[in-house]
Amino acid sequence: MALALACAVSALVFALVHVVDAGSPTALWVVGAGTFVFGLAAASVTAVTGRLGGAMVAHIVFNGLVVVPALLR
């Protein structure tokens, strides 16, 4: 139970940090929900493996999927 709560709190903090610059209520919900789900996944990977590397690589790939298409416009 404690591990699940730690993952949820970590994901919530991750999401809150990423919605600081949300420009509209819709963006707030979309970015918040997306980063919360990603935060849950990253925290779960870290909890299962006991290492941060997998979550870090996932974060780099996730950011790349957003940044690279934006740069190609």
N, C-alpha and C. Protein backbone atom coordinates (compact mmCIF):
# COMPACT_ATOMS: atom_id res chain seq x y z
N MET A 1 0.82 -1.20 0.00
CA MET A 1 0.00 0.00 0.00
C MET A 1 0.87 1.26 0.00
N ALA A 2 1.92 1.24 0.80
CA ALA A 2 2.79 2.41 0.87
C ALA A 2 3.47 2.69 -0.47
N LEU A 3 3.86 1.64 -1.18
CA LEU A 3 4.51 1.82 -2.48
C LEU A 3 3.53 2.42 -3.49
N ALA A 4 2.30 1.97 -3.49
CA ALA A 4 1.29 2.52 -4.40
C ALA A 4 1.03 3.98 -4.08
N LEU A 5 0.95 4.33 -2.81
CA LEU A 5 0.75 5.72 -2.41
C LEU A 5 1.94 6.58 -2.82
N ALA A 6 3.14 6.06 -2.63
CA ALA A 6 4.35 6.80 -3.04
C ALA A 6 4.36 7.04 -4.54
N CYS A 7 3.97 6.04 -5.33
CA CYS A 7 3.90 6.21 -6.79
C CYS A 7 2.86 7.26 -7.17
N ALA A 8 1.70 7.22 -6.53
CA ALA A 8 0.64 8.18 -6.83
C ALA A 8 1.04 9.61 -6.45
N VAL A 9 1.65 9.78 -5.30
CA VAL A 9 2.09 11.12 -4.87
C VAL A 9 3.19 11.63 -5.80
N SER A 10 4.12 10.77 -6.15
CA SER A 10 5.18 11.15 -7.07
C SER A 10 4.61 11.59 -8.42
N ALA A 11 3.65 10.83 -8.93
CA ALA A 11 3.02 11.18 -10.21
C ALA A 11 2.25 12.49 -10.11
N LEU A 12 1.59 12.72 -8.97
CA LEU A 12 0.84 13.97 -8.79
C LEU A 12 1.78 15.17 -8.77
N VAL A 13 2.88 15.05 -8.06
CA VAL A 13 3.86 16.14 -8.02
C VAL A 13 4.44 16.37 -9.42
N PHE A 14 4.76 15.29 -10.13
CA PHE A 14 5.28 15.40 -11.49
C PHE A 14 4.28 16.15 -12.38
N ALA A 15 3.00 15.81 -12.27
CA ALA A 15 1.96 16.47 -13.07
C ALA A 15 1.83 17.94 -12.68
N LEU A 16 1.82 18.24 -11.40
CA LEU A 16 1.67 19.63 -10.96
C LEU A 16 2.82 20.51 -11.43
N VAL A 17 4.02 19.96 -11.45
CA VAL A 17 5.17 20.73 -11.93
C VAL A 17 5.03 21.04 -13.41
N HIS A 18 4.40 20.15 -14.17
CA HIS A 18 4.28 20.34 -15.60
C HIS A 18 3.08 21.18 -16.02
N VAL A 19 2.12 21.43 -15.15
CA VAL A 19 0.96 22.24 -15.54
C VAL A 19 1.11 23.70 -15.13
N VAL A 20 2.26 24.07 -14.59
CA VAL A 20 2.46 25.45 -14.16
C VAL A 20 2.26 26.43 -15.31
N ASP A 21 2.67 26.07 -16.51
CA ASP A 21 2.59 26.97 -17.65
C ASP A 21 1.40 26.68 -18.56
N ALA A 22 0.43 25.94 -18.09
CA ALA A 22 -0.74 25.63 -18.93
C ALA A 22 -1.48 26.93 -19.25
N GLY A 23 -1.76 27.14 -20.53
CA GLY A 23 -2.35 28.40 -20.96
C GLY A 23 -3.86 28.47 -20.85
N SER A 24 -4.51 27.35 -20.77
CA SER A 24 -5.98 27.34 -20.71
C SER A 24 -6.43 26.19 -19.82
N PRO A 25 -7.69 26.22 -19.41
CA PRO A 25 -8.20 25.11 -18.60
C PRO A 25 -8.13 23.77 -19.33
N THR A 26 -8.37 23.79 -20.63
CA THR A 26 -8.27 22.54 -21.41
C THR A 26 -6.85 22.02 -21.40
N ALA A 27 -5.89 22.91 -21.63
CA ALA A 27 -4.48 22.50 -21.61
C ALA A 27 -4.09 21.98 -20.23
N LEU A 28 -4.62 22.61 -19.20
CA LEU A 28 -4.33 22.17 -17.84
C LEU A 28 -4.75 20.72 -17.64
N TRP A 29 -5.95 20.36 -18.09
CA TRP A 29 -6.45 19.00 -17.91
C TRP A 29 -5.71 18.00 -18.80
N VAL A 30 -5.45 18.39 -20.05
CA VAL A 30 -4.78 17.47 -20.97
C VAL A 30 -3.34 17.21 -20.52
N VAL A 31 -2.62 18.28 -20.26
CA VAL A 31 -1.23 18.14 -19.82
C VAL A 31 -1.18 17.46 -18.45
N GLY A 32 -2.07 17.86 -17.57
CA GLY A 32 -2.09 17.27 -16.23
C GLY A 32 -2.37 15.78 -16.26
N ALA A 33 -3.36 15.37 -17.03
CA ALA A 33 -3.71 13.95 -17.10
C ALA A 33 -2.59 13.15 -17.77
N GLY A 34 -2.05 13.68 -18.86
CA GLY A 34 -0.98 12.98 -19.57
C GLY A 34 0.27 12.81 -18.72
N THR A 35 0.67 13.87 -18.04
CA THR A 35 1.88 13.77 -17.22
C THR A 35 1.63 12.95 -15.95
N PHE A 36 0.40 12.95 -15.46
CA PHE A 36 0.09 12.11 -14.30
C PHE A 36 0.21 10.63 -14.67
N VAL A 37 -0.36 10.27 -15.80
CA VAL A 37 -0.27 8.87 -16.26
C VAL A 37 1.19 8.49 -16.52
N PHE A 38 1.92 9.38 -17.18
CA PHE A 38 3.33 9.10 -17.41
C PHE A 38 4.08 8.99 -16.09
N GLY A 39 3.78 9.86 -15.15
CA GLY A 39 4.42 9.82 -13.84
C GLY A 39 4.15 8.51 -13.12
N LEU A 40 2.92 8.00 -13.24
CA LEU A 40 2.60 6.70 -12.65
C LEU A 40 3.44 5.59 -13.28
N ALA A 41 3.56 5.65 -14.60
CA ALA A 41 4.36 4.64 -15.30
C ALA A 41 5.83 4.72 -14.91
N ALA A 42 6.37 5.93 -14.87
CA ALA A 42 7.78 6.10 -14.51
C ALA A 42 8.03 5.67 -13.07
N ALA A 43 7.13 6.02 -12.17
CA ALA A 43 7.28 5.60 -10.77
C ALA A 43 7.17 4.09 -10.64
N SER A 44 6.30 3.49 -11.42
CA SER A 44 6.14 2.03 -11.38
C SER A 44 7.41 1.33 -11.88
N VAL A 45 7.98 1.85 -12.96
CA VAL A 45 9.23 1.28 -13.48
C VAL A 45 10.32 1.38 -12.42
N THR A 46 10.41 2.53 -11.78
CA THR A 46 11.41 2.72 -10.74
C THR A 46 11.17 1.79 -9.56
N ALA A 47 9.90 1.64 -9.17
CA ALA A 47 9.58 0.77 -8.03
C ALA A 47 9.89 -0.69 -8.34
N VAL A 48 9.59 -1.12 -9.55
CA VAL A 48 9.82 -2.52 -9.92
C VAL A 48 11.31 -2.84 -10.06
N THR A 49 12.04 -1.93 -10.70
CA THR A 49 13.46 -2.20 -10.96
C THR A 49 14.38 -1.74 -9.83
N GLY A 50 13.91 -0.78 -9.04
CA GLY A 50 14.76 -0.23 -7.99
C GLY A 50 15.83 0.70 -8.51
N ARG A 51 15.69 1.13 -9.76
CA ARG A 51 16.68 2.01 -10.39
C ARG A 51 15.95 3.14 -11.12
N LEU A 52 16.60 4.29 -11.24
CA LEU A 52 16.00 5.45 -11.92
C LEU A 52 16.24 5.46 -13.42
N GLY A 53 17.18 4.67 -13.91
CA GLY A 53 17.57 4.72 -15.32
C GLY A 53 16.42 4.53 -16.29
N GLY A 54 15.56 3.55 -16.05
CA GLY A 54 14.44 3.30 -16.95
C GLY A 54 13.49 4.47 -17.03
N ALA A 55 13.20 5.07 -15.88
CA ALA A 55 12.31 6.24 -15.86
C ALA A 55 12.96 7.43 -16.57
N MET A 56 14.27 7.57 -16.42
CA MET A 56 14.97 8.67 -17.08
C MET A 56 14.95 8.51 -18.59
N VAL A 57 15.21 7.31 -19.06
CA VAL A 57 15.18 7.04 -20.50
C VAL A 57 13.77 7.26 -21.04
N ALA A 58 12.77 6.80 -20.32
CA ALA A 58 11.38 7.00 -20.74
C ALA A 58 11.05 8.49 -20.81
N HIS A 59 11.54 9.27 -19.87
CA HIS A 59 11.28 10.72 -19.87
C HIS A 59 11.95 11.38 -21.07
N ILE A 60 13.16 10.97 -21.39
CA ILE A 60 13.86 11.52 -22.55
C ILE A 60 13.11 11.18 -23.83
N VAL A 61 12.67 9.94 -23.96
CA VAL A 61 11.92 9.53 -25.16
C VAL A 61 10.59 10.28 -25.24
N PHE A 62 9.88 10.38 -24.12
CA PHE A 62 8.60 11.10 -24.08
C PHE A 62 8.79 12.55 -24.52
N ASN A 63 9.81 13.22 -23.98
CA ASN A 63 10.08 14.61 -24.38
C ASN A 63 10.45 14.68 -25.86
N GLY A 64 11.21 13.71 -26.33
CA GLY A 64 11.60 13.69 -27.74
C GLY A 64 10.40 13.55 -28.66
N LEU A 65 9.41 12.78 -28.24
CA LEU A 65 8.21 12.61 -29.05
C LEU A 65 7.40 13.90 -29.15
N VAL A 66 7.61 14.82 -28.24
CA VAL A 66 6.93 16.11 -28.28
C VAL A 66 7.78 17.15 -28.99
N VAL A 67 9.06 17.18 -28.68
CA VAL A 67 9.94 18.24 -29.19
C VAL A 67 10.31 18.04 -30.66
N VAL A 68 10.68 16.85 -31.04
CA VAL A 68 11.14 16.60 -32.42
C VAL A 68 10.07 16.97 -33.45
N PRO A 69 8.82 16.51 -33.30
CA PRO A 69 7.80 16.93 -34.29
C PRO A 69 7.59 18.45 -34.31
N ALA A 70 7.70 19.10 -33.17
CA ALA A 70 7.54 20.55 -33.13
C ALA A 70 8.68 21.25 -33.89
N LEU A 71 9.87 20.69 -33.83
CA LEU A 71 11.01 21.27 -34.54
C LEU A 71 10.93 21.04 -36.04
N LEU A 72 10.22 19.99 -36.45
CA LEU A 72 10.12 19.65 -37.87
C LEU A 72 9.03 20.44 -38.60
N ARG A 73 8.30 21.25 -37.91
CA ARG A 73 7.24 22.04 -38.56
C ARG A 73 7.79 23.11 -39.42
